[in-house]
Amino acid sequence: REKLSSGINRAFEKRPVSKEKIDNLINEIEEQLRKKGKKEIKTSIIGELVMKKIKKVDNVAYIRFASVYRDFQDIKDERKEI
């Protein structure tokens, strides 16, 4: 949860989204992952879920998260994502 929270909070840094909304987003993600009923979940599944949830809340935060998660190398990579 700490790693998930850290990455999401960093993406929303200085964005007009309340702390409460971000905390709710983290809780939703955590709950969805728990419902899978698995001990281990691939990071790719977690990353895709996080990006999907963030995109619904704030496009800038989405691009920030995606740029780190997908390891954009240049502006071309970023444009493709947008």
N, C-alpha and C. Protein backbone atom coordinates (compact mmCIF):
# COMPACT_ATOMS: atom_id res chain seq x y z
N ARG A 1 0.82 -1.19 0.00
CA ARG A 1 0.00 0.00 0.00
C ARG A 1 0.87 1.26 0.00
N GLU A 2 1.98 1.21 0.74
CA GLU A 2 2.84 2.39 0.81
C GLU A 2 3.42 2.77 -0.56
N LYS A 3 3.88 1.78 -1.28
CA LYS A 3 4.46 2.04 -2.60
C LYS A 3 3.39 2.57 -3.55
N LEU A 4 2.22 1.98 -3.51
CA LEU A 4 1.09 2.41 -4.34
C LEU A 4 0.72 3.85 -4.01
N SER A 5 0.59 4.13 -2.72
CA SER A 5 0.24 5.47 -2.25
C SER A 5 1.28 6.50 -2.66
N SER A 6 2.54 6.15 -2.51
CA SER A 6 3.62 7.06 -2.86
C SER A 6 3.58 7.45 -4.34
N GLY A 7 3.45 6.46 -5.20
CA GLY A 7 3.41 6.72 -6.64
C GLY A 7 2.22 7.55 -7.06
N ILE A 8 1.07 7.23 -6.49
CA ILE A 8 -0.15 7.97 -6.84
C ILE A 8 -0.09 9.39 -6.31
N ASN A 9 0.36 9.56 -5.08
CA ASN A 9 0.46 10.91 -4.51
C ASN A 9 1.44 11.78 -5.30
N ARG A 10 2.52 11.18 -5.76
CA ARG A 10 3.48 11.92 -6.57
C ARG A 10 2.85 12.38 -7.88
N ALA A 11 2.04 11.52 -8.49
CA ALA A 11 1.38 11.88 -9.75
C ALA A 11 0.41 13.04 -9.57
N PHE A 12 -0.23 13.10 -8.41
CA PHE A 12 -1.22 14.15 -8.15
C PHE A 12 -0.63 15.40 -7.49
N GLU A 13 0.69 15.43 -7.30
CA GLU A 13 1.33 16.57 -6.66
C GLU A 13 0.98 17.87 -7.39
N LYS A 14 0.52 18.86 -6.61
CA LYS A 14 0.17 20.19 -7.10
C LYS A 14 -0.97 20.16 -8.12
N ARG A 15 -1.81 19.15 -8.06
CA ARG A 15 -2.99 19.07 -8.90
C ARG A 15 -4.21 19.42 -8.06
N PRO A 16 -5.25 19.97 -8.68
CA PRO A 16 -6.43 20.39 -7.92
C PRO A 16 -7.36 19.21 -7.57
N VAL A 17 -6.80 18.24 -6.88
CA VAL A 17 -7.55 17.06 -6.47
C VAL A 17 -7.36 16.91 -4.96
N SER A 18 -8.46 16.76 -4.26
CA SER A 18 -8.39 16.70 -2.79
C SER A 18 -7.67 15.44 -2.32
N LYS A 19 -7.08 15.56 -1.15
CA LYS A 19 -6.41 14.43 -0.50
C LYS A 19 -7.41 13.30 -0.27
N GLU A 20 -8.62 13.68 0.06
CA GLU A 20 -9.68 12.69 0.30
C GLU A 20 -9.98 11.89 -0.98
N LYS A 21 -10.04 12.57 -2.11
CA LYS A 21 -10.31 11.88 -3.37
C LYS A 21 -9.16 10.93 -3.74
N ILE A 22 -7.95 11.37 -3.48
CA ILE A 22 -6.77 10.53 -3.75
C ILE A 22 -6.78 9.31 -2.83
N ASP A 23 -7.09 9.52 -1.55
CA ASP A 23 -7.17 8.40 -0.60
C ASP A 23 -8.26 7.41 -1.01
N ASN A 24 -9.39 7.92 -1.47
CA ASN A 24 -10.48 7.05 -1.93
C ASN A 24 -10.04 6.25 -3.15
N LEU A 25 -9.30 6.88 -4.03
CA LEU A 25 -8.78 6.21 -5.22
C LEU A 25 -7.86 5.05 -4.82
N ILE A 26 -6.97 5.32 -3.90
CA ILE A 26 -6.05 4.29 -3.41
C ILE A 26 -6.83 3.14 -2.77
N ASN A 27 -7.84 3.48 -1.98
CA ASN A 27 -8.66 2.45 -1.34
C ASN A 27 -9.39 1.60 -2.38
N GLU A 28 -9.93 2.24 -3.41
CA GLU A 28 -10.62 1.51 -4.49
C GLU A 28 -9.68 0.53 -5.18
N ILE A 29 -8.48 1.00 -5.48
CA ILE A 29 -7.50 0.14 -6.15
C ILE A 29 -7.14 -1.04 -5.26
N GLU A 30 -6.87 -0.74 -4.00
CA GLU A 30 -6.51 -1.80 -3.06
C GLU A 30 -7.64 -2.82 -2.93
N GLU A 31 -8.86 -2.35 -2.86
CA GLU A 31 -10.02 -3.25 -2.74
C GLU A 31 -10.17 -4.12 -3.99
N GLN A 32 -10.00 -3.54 -5.16
CA GLN A 32 -10.09 -4.31 -6.41
C GLN A 32 -9.02 -5.40 -6.45
N LEU A 33 -7.84 -5.07 -6.00
CA LEU A 33 -6.75 -6.05 -5.99
C LEU A 33 -7.03 -7.17 -4.98
N ARG A 34 -7.59 -6.83 -3.85
CA ARG A 34 -7.93 -7.84 -2.84
C ARG A 34 -9.01 -8.79 -3.35
N LYS A 35 -9.95 -8.25 -4.10
CA LYS A 35 -11.05 -9.07 -4.63
C LYS A 35 -10.55 -10.14 -5.59
N LYS A 36 -9.38 -9.95 -6.15
CA LYS A 36 -8.82 -10.96 -7.04
C LYS A 36 -8.50 -12.24 -6.28
N GLY A 37 -8.32 -12.13 -4.96
CA GLY A 37 -8.11 -13.28 -4.11
C GLY A 37 -6.80 -14.01 -4.33
N LYS A 38 -5.80 -13.29 -4.81
CA LYS A 38 -4.50 -13.91 -5.06
C LYS A 38 -3.47 -13.36 -4.07
N LYS A 39 -2.49 -14.22 -3.74
CA LYS A 39 -1.40 -13.77 -2.86
C LYS A 39 -0.49 -12.79 -3.58
N GLU A 40 -0.23 -13.08 -4.85
CA GLU A 40 0.64 -12.23 -5.64
C GLU A 40 -0.07 -11.78 -6.91
N ILE A 41 0.14 -10.52 -7.26
CA ILE A 41 -0.44 -9.95 -8.48
C ILE A 41 0.68 -9.29 -9.24
N LYS A 42 0.74 -9.55 -10.53
CA LYS A 42 1.80 -8.98 -11.37
C LYS A 42 1.75 -7.46 -11.33
N THR A 43 2.93 -6.87 -11.32
CA THR A 43 3.00 -5.40 -11.30
C THR A 43 2.37 -4.80 -12.54
N SER A 44 2.40 -5.51 -13.65
CA SER A 44 1.78 -4.98 -14.87
C SER A 44 0.27 -4.83 -14.69
N ILE A 45 -0.35 -5.76 -13.99
CA ILE A 45 -1.79 -5.67 -13.74
C ILE A 45 -2.09 -4.50 -12.81
N ILE A 46 -1.27 -4.35 -11.79
CA ILE A 46 -1.45 -3.24 -10.85
C ILE A 46 -1.26 -1.91 -11.57
N GLY A 47 -0.19 -1.80 -12.35
CA GLY A 47 0.10 -0.56 -13.07
C GLY A 47 -1.00 -0.16 -14.01
N GLU A 48 -1.54 -1.11 -14.76
CA GLU A 48 -2.63 -0.80 -15.69
C GLU A 48 -3.89 -0.36 -14.96
N LEU A 49 -4.18 -1.02 -13.84
CA LEU A 49 -5.34 -0.63 -13.03
C LEU A 49 -5.18 0.78 -12.49
N VAL A 50 -4.00 1.08 -11.97
CA VAL A 50 -3.73 2.41 -11.43
C VAL A 50 -3.87 3.47 -12.52
N MET A 51 -3.30 3.22 -13.68
CA MET A 51 -3.40 4.21 -14.77
C MET A 51 -4.86 4.44 -15.17
N LYS A 52 -5.62 3.37 -15.26
CA LYS A 52 -7.04 3.48 -15.64
C LYS A 52 -7.80 4.35 -14.62
N LYS A 53 -7.55 4.10 -13.34
CA LYS A 53 -8.24 4.86 -12.29
C LYS A 53 -7.80 6.33 -12.27
N ILE A 54 -6.50 6.57 -12.41
CA ILE A 54 -6.00 7.94 -12.38
C ILE A 54 -6.55 8.72 -13.57
N LYS A 55 -6.60 8.10 -14.73
CA LYS A 55 -7.07 8.79 -15.94
C LYS A 55 -8.49 9.30 -15.77
N LYS A 56 -9.31 8.58 -15.01
CA LYS A 56 -10.70 9.01 -14.78
C LYS A 56 -10.77 10.25 -13.89
N VAL A 57 -9.71 10.51 -13.13
CA VAL A 57 -9.72 11.61 -12.18
C VAL A 57 -9.00 12.85 -12.72
N ASP A 58 -7.82 12.66 -13.32
CA ASP A 58 -7.02 13.83 -13.74
C ASP A 58 -6.04 13.41 -14.85
N ASN A 59 -6.16 14.05 -16.01
CA ASN A 59 -5.31 13.70 -17.16
C ASN A 59 -3.83 14.01 -16.94
N VAL A 60 -3.54 15.09 -16.25
CA VAL A 60 -2.14 15.46 -16.00
C VAL A 60 -1.49 14.44 -15.07
N ALA A 61 -2.20 14.08 -14.03
CA ALA A 61 -1.68 13.06 -13.11
C ALA A 61 -1.49 11.74 -13.84
N TYR A 62 -2.40 11.45 -14.75
CA TYR A 62 -2.29 10.22 -15.56
C TYR A 62 -1.01 10.22 -16.37
N ILE A 63 -0.72 11.32 -17.06
CA ILE A 63 0.49 11.41 -17.88
C ILE A 63 1.73 11.31 -16.99
N ARG A 64 1.70 11.95 -15.83
CA ARG A 64 2.84 11.86 -14.91
C ARG A 64 3.09 10.41 -14.50
N PHE A 65 2.02 9.73 -14.09
CA PHE A 65 2.17 8.35 -13.66
C PHE A 65 2.63 7.46 -14.82
N ALA A 66 2.00 7.64 -15.96
CA ALA A 66 2.33 6.82 -17.13
C ALA A 66 3.76 7.04 -17.58
N SER A 67 4.25 8.27 -17.47
CA SER A 67 5.61 8.55 -17.93
C SER A 67 6.64 7.80 -17.09
N VAL A 68 6.36 7.63 -15.82
CA VAL A 68 7.26 6.87 -14.96
C VAL A 68 7.02 5.37 -15.15
N TYR A 69 5.77 4.98 -15.14
CA TYR A 69 5.43 3.57 -15.24
C TYR A 69 5.87 2.97 -16.58
N ARG A 70 5.63 3.69 -17.64
CA ARG A 70 5.99 3.19 -18.97
C ARG A 70 7.40 3.59 -19.38
N ASP A 71 8.07 4.38 -18.52
CA ASP A 71 9.46 4.77 -18.75
C ASP A 71 9.64 5.46 -20.10
N PHE A 72 8.87 6.55 -20.30
CA PHE A 72 8.99 7.30 -21.55
C PHE A 72 10.43 7.75 -21.77
N GLN A 73 10.92 7.54 -22.95
CA GLN A 73 12.29 7.93 -23.28
C GLN A 73 12.35 9.31 -23.92
N ASP A 74 11.31 9.69 -24.61
CA ASP A 74 11.30 11.01 -25.24
C ASP A 74 9.86 11.46 -25.47
N ILE A 75 9.70 12.61 -26.06
CA ILE A 75 8.39 13.22 -26.27
C ILE A 75 7.53 12.38 -27.21
N LYS A 76 8.13 11.63 -28.09
CA LYS A 76 7.37 10.76 -29.00
C LYS A 76 6.59 9.70 -28.21
N ASP A 77 7.26 9.13 -27.22
CA ASP A 77 6.59 8.15 -26.37
C ASP A 77 5.39 8.77 -25.64
N GLU A 78 5.61 9.97 -25.16
CA GLU A 78 4.55 10.67 -24.43
C GLU A 78 3.38 10.99 -25.36
N ARG A 79 3.67 11.44 -26.55
CA ARG A 79 2.62 11.75 -27.52
C ARG A 79 1.77 10.53 -27.84
N LYS A 80 2.43 9.38 -27.99
CA LYS A 80 1.69 8.16 -28.27
C LYS A 80 0.71 7.84 -27.15
N GLU A 81 1.15 8.05 -25.94
CA GLU A 81 0.29 7.76 -24.78
C GLU A 81 -0.89 8.71 -24.72
N ILE A 82 -0.64 9.98 -25.03
CA ILE A 82 -1.71 10.99 -25.00
C ILE A 82 -2.71 10.67 -26.07
